[in-house]
Amino acid sequence: MNQNIAYIDLETKSLHSERISPGLRRLFLGGRGINAVLLFQHTRAGMDPLAAEAPLIVGAGLLSGLPCPSASRCSITAKSPETDLLADSNIGGFFAAELRKTGFDHLLIQGASRDPVYLLITAGALQIKDASHLWGKDSIETTELLKDTHGKSSQVLCIGQAGENRVRFACVRHGRKSAAGRGGLGCLMGAKRLKAIVVKGRQKPLVAHESELLAYNRALNHRIRQSKTAQVLHKYGTPFLFDLHNFKGIVRTLNGRLSQFPQGKSLRASQLKSRYVPTGACFGCVIACRHQYEVRGPDGGNTRAEGPEYGTLAAFGPICGIEDADALFRLNDTVNRYGLDSVTTGNIIAWAIELFQEGILTDKDTGGLKLEWGNVETIAKLVEQIVFREAFGNVLAEGPKRASNVFGPAS
């Protein structure tokens, strides 16, 4: 089970790997644990989180890729470009399982490339490839192009335009929905000019007692299927939490001014479910809560999107005052394509709206935009401005910590 850590320097193009020691494995297991050790070892005090030497660490969970319930988890860790503290985000999907099939469990990436690049990791091999043809493309386009090149079974982590433009809360994307959000991990990838990481392996990690593990996995999955929570998640996904929180009066509304959003009837889980098309699952998961829907794409035609998760629904729905489910579906697809953390994006826009309503910001500050609760057109405009660092969006793109210094103490 003790696989390898890959050490990658994008500036010098040096590549090497080391075996994970039994002691490290025993103390910290894998995933977030070993990532944290590597971050501690390779981060100096006072380091700028966007410095070339700042590490970006990707790690598969100890059980990822094995016949265990929901064994899909992948942790991405760094010093946060948004908060200057710890950024650690955990995603599902299929990346971690495929990474382990290459013989690597962790990637420690340092240095900054002069030109856009992506990493290609195959069975026991590491390559740095040119990504100039991918720069400027959104996360869905990037993933599709890389899968066309390296095969449909390859798995991709990538950034969209938000990461390229170093938005402080840009996320790392996997597939149509999974996002390593919060903390600005996509911003760090953009600073390193690292557009994507592609993995394609051959060999599954070895298991000491495979038949016993398979039997135990079957028993656990049977118990999961019988649970009410799993059944609700399969049917509705995490948006069922909106119904629960709204009923109890604990849903943050209009940036926390209120605790209930009674006008959000179209955001109820049963209403969203009517829009869903076939459901998918992450690696090894019998719950299958990845709901898909049709939405108008950037080219004007219909395209398939995934989600929204409760975090996105809450951030743009009650927190920003949007009650239109169609608008929310479009915003979900937009932030996913651009690679923006949806929770931070919705919250920082809601904060700006409240500051505008309170007179702390004026249309002189916002470049003429009148910020109003539930104004879908203005909120969508702000998303675009944040991604491309235009006008008022350039200030918001720095995140709340830095924006508050611009807006002043009253903010």
Protein backbone atom coordinates (compact mmCIF):
# COMPACT_ATOMS: atom_id res chain seq x y z
CA MET A 1 0.00 0.00 0.00
CA ASN A 2 2.94 2.40 0.59
CA GLN A 3 2.94 4.16 -2.74
CA ASN A 4 4.86 7.25 -3.87
CA ILE A 5 4.99 11.00 -3.38
CA ALA A 6 5.80 12.91 -6.59
CA TYR A 7 7.90 16.09 -6.26
CA ILE A 8 7.39 18.46 -9.19
CA ASP A 9 9.08 21.81 -9.80
CA LEU A 10 7.38 23.67 -12.67
CA GLU A 11 10.14 26.28 -12.89
CA THR A 12 13.15 23.97 -13.15
CA LYS A 13 11.11 21.13 -14.70
CA SER A 14 12.63 18.71 -12.20
CA LEU A 15 10.60 15.59 -11.44
CA HIS A 16 11.29 12.86 -8.90
CA SER A 17 9.45 10.62 -6.48
CA GLU A 18 9.95 8.99 -3.09
CA ARG A 19 8.30 6.04 -1.42
CA ILE A 20 5.93 6.90 1.44
CA SER A 21 7.61 5.60 4.57
CA PRO A 22 5.70 3.15 6.80
CA GLY A 23 6.19 5.57 9.71
CA LEU A 24 4.57 8.47 7.85
CA ARG A 25 1.73 6.24 6.73
CA ARG A 26 1.16 4.89 10.23
CA LEU A 27 1.07 8.33 11.86
CA PHE A 28 -0.85 10.33 9.24
CA LEU A 29 -2.63 7.69 7.08
CA GLY A 30 -3.00 9.62 3.79
CA GLY A 31 -5.02 12.36 2.13
CA ARG A 32 -5.28 15.41 4.37
CA GLY A 33 -2.91 13.98 7.00
CA ILE A 34 0.13 13.48 4.77
CA ASN A 35 -0.75 16.66 2.84
CA ALA A 36 -0.53 18.62 6.10
CA VAL A 37 2.90 17.16 6.90
CA LEU A 38 4.19 18.04 3.42
CA LEU A 39 2.78 21.58 3.71
CA PHE A 40 4.49 22.05 7.07
CA GLN A 41 7.80 20.77 5.72
CA HIS A 42 7.79 22.95 2.60
CA THR A 43 6.33 26.24 3.86
CA ARG A 44 8.51 28.86 5.52
CA ALA A 45 7.23 31.46 7.97
CA GLY A 46 5.82 34.55 6.27
CA MET A 47 5.78 32.96 2.83
CA ASP A 48 3.59 34.74 0.28
CA PRO A 49 0.93 32.15 -0.62
CA LEU A 50 1.45 32.99 -4.31
CA ALA A 51 5.26 32.80 -4.19
CA ALA A 52 6.79 30.46 -6.75
CA GLU A 53 8.09 28.14 -4.02
CA ALA A 54 4.69 27.93 -2.27
CA PRO A 55 3.59 24.28 -2.47
CA LEU A 56 0.35 22.98 -3.93
CA ILE A 57 -0.31 19.47 -2.64
CA VAL A 58 -2.74 16.88 -4.00
CA GLY A 59 -3.34 13.72 -2.00
CA ALA A 60 -5.54 10.66 -2.33
CA GLY A 61 -7.32 9.30 0.73
CA LEU A 62 -5.98 6.12 2.30
CA LEU A 63 -8.90 4.05 1.01
CA SER A 64 -9.42 5.88 -2.30
CA GLY A 65 -9.79 3.53 -5.23
CA LEU A 66 -10.37 0.48 -3.02
CA PRO A 67 -13.63 -1.49 -2.72
CA CYS A 68 -14.79 0.57 0.24
CA PRO A 69 -17.92 2.74 0.59
CA SER A 70 -17.55 6.09 -1.20
CA ALA A 71 -13.77 5.67 -1.46
CA SER A 72 -13.36 8.61 -3.83
CA ARG A 73 -11.90 11.39 -1.73
CA CYS A 74 -9.05 13.65 -2.80
CA SER A 75 -7.57 16.46 -0.67
CA ILE A 76 -5.90 19.57 -2.10
CA THR A 77 -3.86 21.63 0.35
CA ALA A 78 -1.84 24.87 0.35
CA LYS A 79 -1.33 28.14 2.15
CA SER A 80 -4.46 30.07 1.25
CA PRO A 81 -4.17 32.94 -1.27
CA GLU A 82 -7.48 34.21 0.15
CA THR A 83 -6.82 34.17 3.92
CA ASP A 84 -3.02 33.62 4.21
CA LEU A 85 -3.92 30.68 6.48
CA LEU A 86 -4.61 27.02 5.72
CA ALA A 87 -6.48 26.05 2.55
CA ASP A 88 -7.56 22.42 2.52
CA SER A 89 -10.40 21.21 0.34
CA ASN A 90 -11.77 17.72 -0.19
CA ILE A 91 -13.53 16.49 -3.34
CA GLY A 92 -15.11 13.31 -4.64
CA GLY A 93 -15.43 12.11 -8.21
CA PHE A 94 -12.89 9.79 -9.81
CA PHE A 95 -9.57 11.64 -9.67
CA ALA A 96 -8.20 10.11 -6.46
CA ALA A 97 -8.94 6.55 -7.54
CA GLU A 98 -7.22 7.12 -10.88
CA LEU A 99 -4.24 8.87 -9.26
CA ARG A 100 -3.61 5.83 -7.06
CA LYS A 101 -3.64 3.59 -10.15
CA THR A 102 -0.57 5.50 -11.39
CA GLY A 103 1.41 4.46 -8.31
CA PHE A 104 1.34 7.96 -6.78
CA ASP A 105 -0.68 8.93 -3.73
CA HIS A 106 0.52 12.52 -3.30
CA LEU A 107 1.77 15.30 -5.60
CA LEU A 108 3.84 18.15 -4.20
CA ILE A 109 4.02 20.92 -6.81
CA GLN A 110 6.31 23.94 -6.48
CA GLY A 111 7.74 26.56 -8.80
CA ALA A 112 5.97 28.65 -11.42
CA SER A 113 6.16 27.98 -15.13
CA ARG A 114 6.79 30.84 -17.57
CA ASP A 115 4.22 29.42 -19.97
CA PRO A 116 0.97 27.55 -19.37
CA VAL A 117 1.50 23.85 -18.66
CA TYR A 118 -0.35 20.79 -17.48
CA LEU A 119 0.89 17.68 -15.71
CA LEU A 120 0.41 14.24 -17.24
CA ILE A 121 0.79 11.38 -14.77
CA THR A 122 0.66 7.83 -16.06
CA ALA A 123 1.78 4.53 -14.57
CA GLY A 124 4.97 5.48 -12.74
CA ALA A 125 5.70 8.41 -15.08
CA LEU A 126 5.52 12.21 -14.72
CA GLN A 127 5.48 14.68 -17.63
CA ILE A 128 5.08 18.46 -17.93
CA LYS A 129 3.17 19.32 -21.11
CA ASP A 130 2.40 22.55 -22.97
CA ALA A 131 -1.04 24.00 -22.16
CA SER A 132 -1.01 27.17 -24.24
CA HIS A 133 -3.92 25.80 -26.32
CA LEU A 134 -5.96 25.37 -23.12
CA TRP A 135 -5.28 28.75 -21.52
CA GLY A 136 -8.38 30.94 -21.63
CA LYS A 137 -10.79 28.02 -21.82
CA ASP A 138 -13.31 27.19 -19.13
CA SER A 139 -13.06 24.11 -16.92
CA ILE A 140 -15.56 22.03 -18.91
CA GLU A 141 -13.87 22.76 -22.26
CA THR A 142 -10.47 22.04 -20.74
CA THR A 143 -11.58 18.69 -19.34
CA GLU A 144 -13.19 17.62 -22.61
CA LEU A 145 -10.13 18.55 -24.68
CA LEU A 146 -7.77 16.70 -22.36
CA LYS A 147 -9.99 13.61 -22.36
CA ASP A 148 -10.06 13.74 -26.17
CA THR A 149 -6.25 13.70 -26.09
CA HIS A 150 -5.57 11.18 -23.32
CA GLY A 151 -8.67 8.98 -23.38
CA LYS A 152 -12.07 9.05 -21.74
CA SER A 153 -10.80 7.03 -18.76
CA SER A 154 -8.27 9.73 -17.86
CA GLN A 155 -9.25 12.01 -14.98
CA VAL A 156 -8.64 15.75 -14.81
CA LEU A 157 -8.18 18.49 -12.21
CA CYS A 158 -8.13 21.94 -13.79
CA ILE A 159 -8.86 25.64 -13.41
CA GLY A 160 -11.10 27.94 -15.37
CA GLN A 161 -10.58 31.61 -16.19
CA ALA A 162 -11.02 32.63 -12.54
CA GLY A 163 -7.89 30.70 -11.59
CA GLU A 164 -5.97 32.01 -14.59
CA ASN A 165 -6.81 35.57 -13.50
CA ARG A 166 -5.81 34.79 -9.91
CA VAL A 167 -9.16 35.49 -8.33
CA ARG A 168 -8.39 34.90 -4.65
CA PHE A 169 -11.30 32.47 -4.25
CA ALA A 170 -10.93 30.56 -7.50
CA CYS A 171 -11.34 26.81 -7.05
CA VAL A 172 -9.90 23.65 -8.59
CA ARG A 173 -12.42 21.78 -10.73
CA HIS A 174 -13.02 18.09 -11.43
CA GLY A 175 -15.74 17.02 -13.82
CA ARG A 176 -18.94 19.03 -14.13
CA LYS A 177 -19.57 19.55 -10.44
CA SER A 178 -16.76 18.60 -8.03
CA ALA A 179 -14.88 21.64 -6.79
CA ALA A 180 -12.01 22.05 -4.35
CA GLY A 181 -13.48 25.34 -3.20
CA ARG A 182 -12.76 27.84 -0.45
CA GLY A 183 -9.32 29.24 0.20
CA GLY A 184 -8.30 30.00 -3.39
CA LEU A 185 -6.54 26.81 -4.47
CA GLY A 186 -7.39 27.61 -8.10
CA CYS A 187 -5.71 30.99 -7.67
CA LEU A 188 -2.49 29.21 -6.70
CA MET A 189 -2.69 26.97 -9.76
CA GLY A 190 -3.12 30.08 -11.90
CA ALA A 191 -0.09 31.74 -10.31
CA LYS A 192 1.93 28.65 -11.15
CA ARG A 193 0.57 28.72 -14.73
CA LEU A 194 -0.64 25.18 -14.11
CA LYS A 195 -3.83 24.71 -16.11
CA ALA A 196 -4.54 21.07 -15.30
CA ILE A 197 -3.39 17.74 -13.89
CA VAL A 198 -4.27 14.63 -15.90
CA VAL A 199 -3.95 11.13 -14.45
CA LYS A 200 -4.30 7.80 -16.23
CA GLY A 201 -3.24 4.64 -14.45
CA ARG A 202 -3.27 0.88 -14.86
CA GLN A 203 -2.71 -0.83 -11.53
CA LYS A 204 -5.09 -0.74 -8.57
CA PRO A 205 -3.51 -0.53 -5.10
CA LEU A 206 -2.90 -3.97 -3.61
CA VAL A 207 -5.13 -5.21 -0.83
CA ALA A 208 -3.90 -7.67 1.81
CA HIS A 209 -7.26 -9.37 2.46
CA GLU A 210 -9.27 -8.68 -0.67
CA SER A 211 -12.05 -11.26 -0.27
CA GLU A 212 -12.74 -10.16 3.31
CA LEU A 213 -12.73 -6.50 2.24
CA LEU A 214 -15.19 -7.16 -0.58
CA ALA A 215 -17.55 -8.96 1.77
CA TYR A 216 -17.36 -6.17 4.34
CA ASN A 217 -17.93 -3.57 1.60
CA ARG A 218 -21.10 -5.37 0.46
CA ALA A 219 -22.43 -5.39 4.01
CA LEU A 220 -21.68 -1.70 4.56
CA ASN A 221 -23.22 -0.68 1.25
CA HIS A 222 -26.37 -2.61 2.13
CA ARG A 223 -26.64 -0.64 5.38
CA ILE A 224 -26.05 2.64 3.53
CA ARG A 225 -28.81 1.91 1.00
CA GLN A 226 -31.26 1.26 3.83
CA SER A 227 -30.58 4.57 5.57
CA LYS A 228 -33.09 7.40 5.20
CA THR A 229 -30.33 9.96 4.64
CA ALA A 230 -28.91 8.03 1.68
CA GLN A 231 -32.36 7.68 0.13
CA VAL A 232 -33.09 11.40 0.48
CA LEU A 233 -29.67 12.33 -0.94
CA HIS A 234 -30.18 10.02 -3.91
CA LYS A 235 -33.58 11.52 -4.64
CA TYR A 236 -32.94 15.20 -3.97
CA GLY A 237 -29.21 15.75 -3.38
CA THR A 238 -27.97 18.21 -0.74
CA PRO A 239 -30.60 20.89 -1.67
CA PHE A 240 -32.98 19.05 0.68
CA LEU A 241 -31.13 20.99 3.40
CA PHE A 242 -32.73 24.20 2.13
CA ASP A 243 -36.18 22.84 2.92
CA LEU A 244 -35.08 21.80 6.39
CA HIS A 245 -33.24 25.03 7.25
CA ASN A 246 -35.93 27.28 5.81
CA PHE A 247 -38.65 25.46 7.74
CA LYS A 248 -36.68 25.80 10.98
CA GLY A 249 -35.87 29.46 10.31
CA ILE A 250 -32.09 29.03 10.25
CA VAL A 251 -31.31 29.81 6.61
CA ARG A 252 -29.16 32.92 6.15
CA THR A 253 -31.19 35.37 4.08
CA LEU A 254 -30.13 38.71 2.52
CA ASN A 255 -26.60 38.41 3.90
CA GLY A 256 -27.89 37.32 7.29
CA ARG A 257 -30.41 40.12 7.83
CA LEU A 258 -33.17 37.50 8.05
CA SER A 259 -33.26 33.79 8.88
CA GLN A 260 -36.04 32.64 6.54
CA PHE A 261 -36.66 32.90 2.78
CA PRO A 262 -40.41 32.26 2.31
CA GLN A 263 -40.39 33.52 -1.30
CA GLY A 264 -38.00 30.72 -2.31
CA LYS A 265 -40.69 28.14 -3.09
CA SER A 266 -39.15 27.36 -6.49
CA LEU A 267 -35.91 26.43 -4.70
CA ARG A 268 -37.46 23.60 -2.73
CA ALA A 269 -35.93 20.18 -3.31
CA SER A 270 -39.09 18.76 -4.88
CA GLN A 271 -39.20 21.64 -7.37
CA LEU A 272 -35.54 21.24 -8.31
CA LYS A 273 -35.97 17.48 -8.68
CA SER A 274 -38.48 18.04 -11.48
CA ARG A 275 -35.60 19.52 -13.50
CA TYR A 276 -33.14 16.67 -12.92
CA VAL A 277 -32.12 14.17 -15.56
CA PRO A 278 -30.25 10.88 -14.82
CA THR A 279 -28.25 10.76 -11.57
CA GLY A 280 -24.57 9.84 -11.32
CA ALA A 281 -22.23 8.77 -8.52
CA CYS A 282 -18.65 9.24 -7.39
CA PHE A 283 -16.24 6.28 -7.34
CA GLY A 284 -17.49 3.45 -5.13
CA CYS A 285 -20.60 5.31 -3.94
CA VAL A 286 -24.03 3.65 -3.83
CA ILE A 287 -25.83 6.88 -2.85
CA ALA A 288 -25.48 8.51 -6.29
CA CYS A 289 -26.41 12.11 -5.47
CA ARG A 290 -24.82 13.79 -8.52
CA HIS A 291 -27.89 15.28 -10.16
CA GLN A 292 -27.72 16.64 -13.69
CA TYR A 293 -29.90 19.12 -15.53
CA GLU A 294 -30.15 20.86 -18.87
CA VAL A 295 -29.18 24.53 -19.13
CA ARG A 296 -28.49 26.95 -21.96
CA GLY A 297 -24.73 26.86 -22.61
CA PRO A 298 -22.30 29.62 -23.62
CA ASP A 299 -22.92 28.87 -27.32
CA GLY A 300 -26.67 29.37 -26.92
CA GLY A 301 -27.56 25.67 -27.17
CA ASN A 302 -28.63 23.35 -24.37
CA THR A 303 -25.87 21.66 -22.40
CA ARG A 304 -25.70 19.24 -19.47
CA ALA A 305 -24.70 20.60 -16.06
CA GLU A 306 -24.49 19.13 -12.54
CA GLY A 307 -25.75 20.30 -9.18
CA PRO A 308 -26.50 22.64 -7.62
CA GLU A 309 -25.20 21.69 -4.19
CA TYR A 310 -26.82 23.25 -1.14
CA GLY A 311 -23.87 25.64 -0.69
CA THR A 312 -24.43 27.14 -4.14
CA LEU A 313 -28.21 27.22 -3.74
CA ALA A 314 -27.92 29.00 -0.39
CA ALA A 315 -25.24 31.46 -1.49
CA PHE A 316 -27.12 32.73 -4.55
CA GLY A 317 -30.66 31.96 -3.38
CA PRO A 318 -31.56 33.25 0.09
CA ILE A 319 -28.23 34.97 0.77
CA CYS A 320 -28.41 37.07 -2.42
CA GLY A 321 -32.21 37.08 -2.58
CA ILE A 322 -32.65 35.16 -5.85
CA GLU A 323 -35.93 33.22 -5.92
CA ASP A 324 -35.84 32.11 -9.57
CA ALA A 325 -34.67 28.48 -9.93
CA ASP A 326 -33.81 28.95 -13.61
CA ALA A 327 -31.49 31.82 -12.74
CA LEU A 328 -29.89 29.75 -10.01
CA PHE A 329 -29.30 26.82 -12.39
CA ARG A 330 -27.60 29.19 -14.84
CA LEU A 331 -25.42 30.76 -12.15
CA ASN A 332 -24.42 27.32 -10.90
CA ASP A 333 -23.22 26.35 -14.37
CA THR A 334 -21.46 29.70 -14.83
CA VAL A 335 -19.39 29.58 -11.64
CA ASN A 336 -18.52 25.93 -12.29
CA ARG A 337 -17.29 26.68 -15.79
CA TYR A 338 -15.25 29.69 -14.70
CA GLY A 339 -13.90 27.86 -11.66
CA LEU A 340 -15.17 30.20 -8.95
CA ASP A 341 -15.90 29.02 -5.44
CA SER A 342 -19.68 29.42 -5.44
CA VAL A 343 -20.07 29.93 -1.69
CA THR A 344 -17.54 32.75 -1.43
CA THR A 345 -18.83 34.32 -4.66
CA GLY A 346 -22.45 34.45 -3.50
CA ASN A 347 -21.50 35.67 -0.04
CA ILE A 348 -19.16 38.44 -1.20
CA ILE A 349 -21.77 39.69 -3.68
CA ALA A 350 -24.42 39.68 -0.94
CA TRP A 351 -22.05 41.60 1.33
CA ALA A 352 -21.52 44.20 -1.43
CA ILE A 353 -25.29 44.50 -1.93
CA GLU A 354 -25.83 45.15 1.78
CA LEU A 355 -23.03 47.75 1.81
CA PHE A 356 -24.71 49.45 -1.15
CA GLN A 357 -28.11 49.35 0.54
CA GLU A 358 -26.57 50.88 3.68
CA GLY A 359 -24.86 53.66 1.69
CA ILE A 360 -21.34 52.47 2.56
CA LEU A 361 -20.88 51.85 -1.16
CA THR A 362 -22.39 54.03 -3.89
CA ASP A 363 -22.77 53.66 -7.63
CA LYS A 364 -19.53 55.66 -7.89
CA ASP A 365 -17.76 52.75 -6.17
CA THR A 366 -19.55 50.11 -8.24
CA GLY A 367 -19.00 51.73 -11.62
CA GLY A 368 -22.65 52.64 -12.00
CA LEU A 369 -24.09 49.27 -10.94
CA LYS A 370 -27.07 49.56 -8.61
CA LEU A 371 -26.77 46.60 -6.25
CA GLU A 372 -30.17 45.20 -5.28
CA TRP A 373 -31.35 42.01 -3.60
CA GLY A 374 -32.44 39.38 -6.10
CA ASN A 375 -31.40 41.36 -9.18
CA VAL A 376 -30.26 38.45 -11.32
CA GLU A 377 -28.87 40.57 -14.16
CA THR A 378 -26.64 42.62 -11.83
CA ILE A 379 -25.48 39.58 -9.86
CA ALA A 380 -24.58 37.73 -13.08
CA LYS A 381 -22.71 40.86 -14.23
CA LEU A 382 -20.73 40.91 -10.98
CA VAL A 383 -19.77 37.26 -11.46
CA GLU A 384 -18.34 38.11 -14.90
CA GLN A 385 -16.51 41.16 -13.53
CA ILE A 386 -14.98 39.08 -10.73
CA VAL A 387 -13.77 36.34 -13.09
CA PHE A 388 -12.13 38.74 -15.53
CA ARG A 389 -11.12 41.29 -12.86
CA GLU A 390 -13.03 44.09 -14.51
CA ALA A 391 -14.29 47.31 -12.89
CA PHE A 392 -15.84 46.81 -9.43
CA GLY A 393 -15.37 43.04 -9.75
CA ASN A 394 -11.60 43.50 -9.55
CA VAL A 395 -11.95 44.66 -5.93
CA LEU A 396 -14.27 41.77 -5.02
CA ALA A 397 -11.87 39.33 -6.73
CA GLU A 398 -9.36 40.05 -3.96
CA GLY A 399 -11.71 38.41 -1.44
CA PRO A 400 -13.41 39.86 1.65
CA LYS A 401 -10.26 40.30 3.73
CA ARG A 402 -8.59 42.59 1.21
CA ALA A 403 -11.80 44.20 -0.10
CA SER A 404 -12.74 45.33 3.41
CA ASN A 405 -9.48 47.30 3.53
CA VAL A 406 -10.61 49.12 0.37
CA PHE A 407 -14.20 49.69 1.55
CA GLY A 408 -13.18 50.98 4.95
CA PRO A 409 -13.90 50.12 8.63
CA ALA A 410 -17.67 50.54 8.33
CA SER A 411 -17.81 47.65 5.85
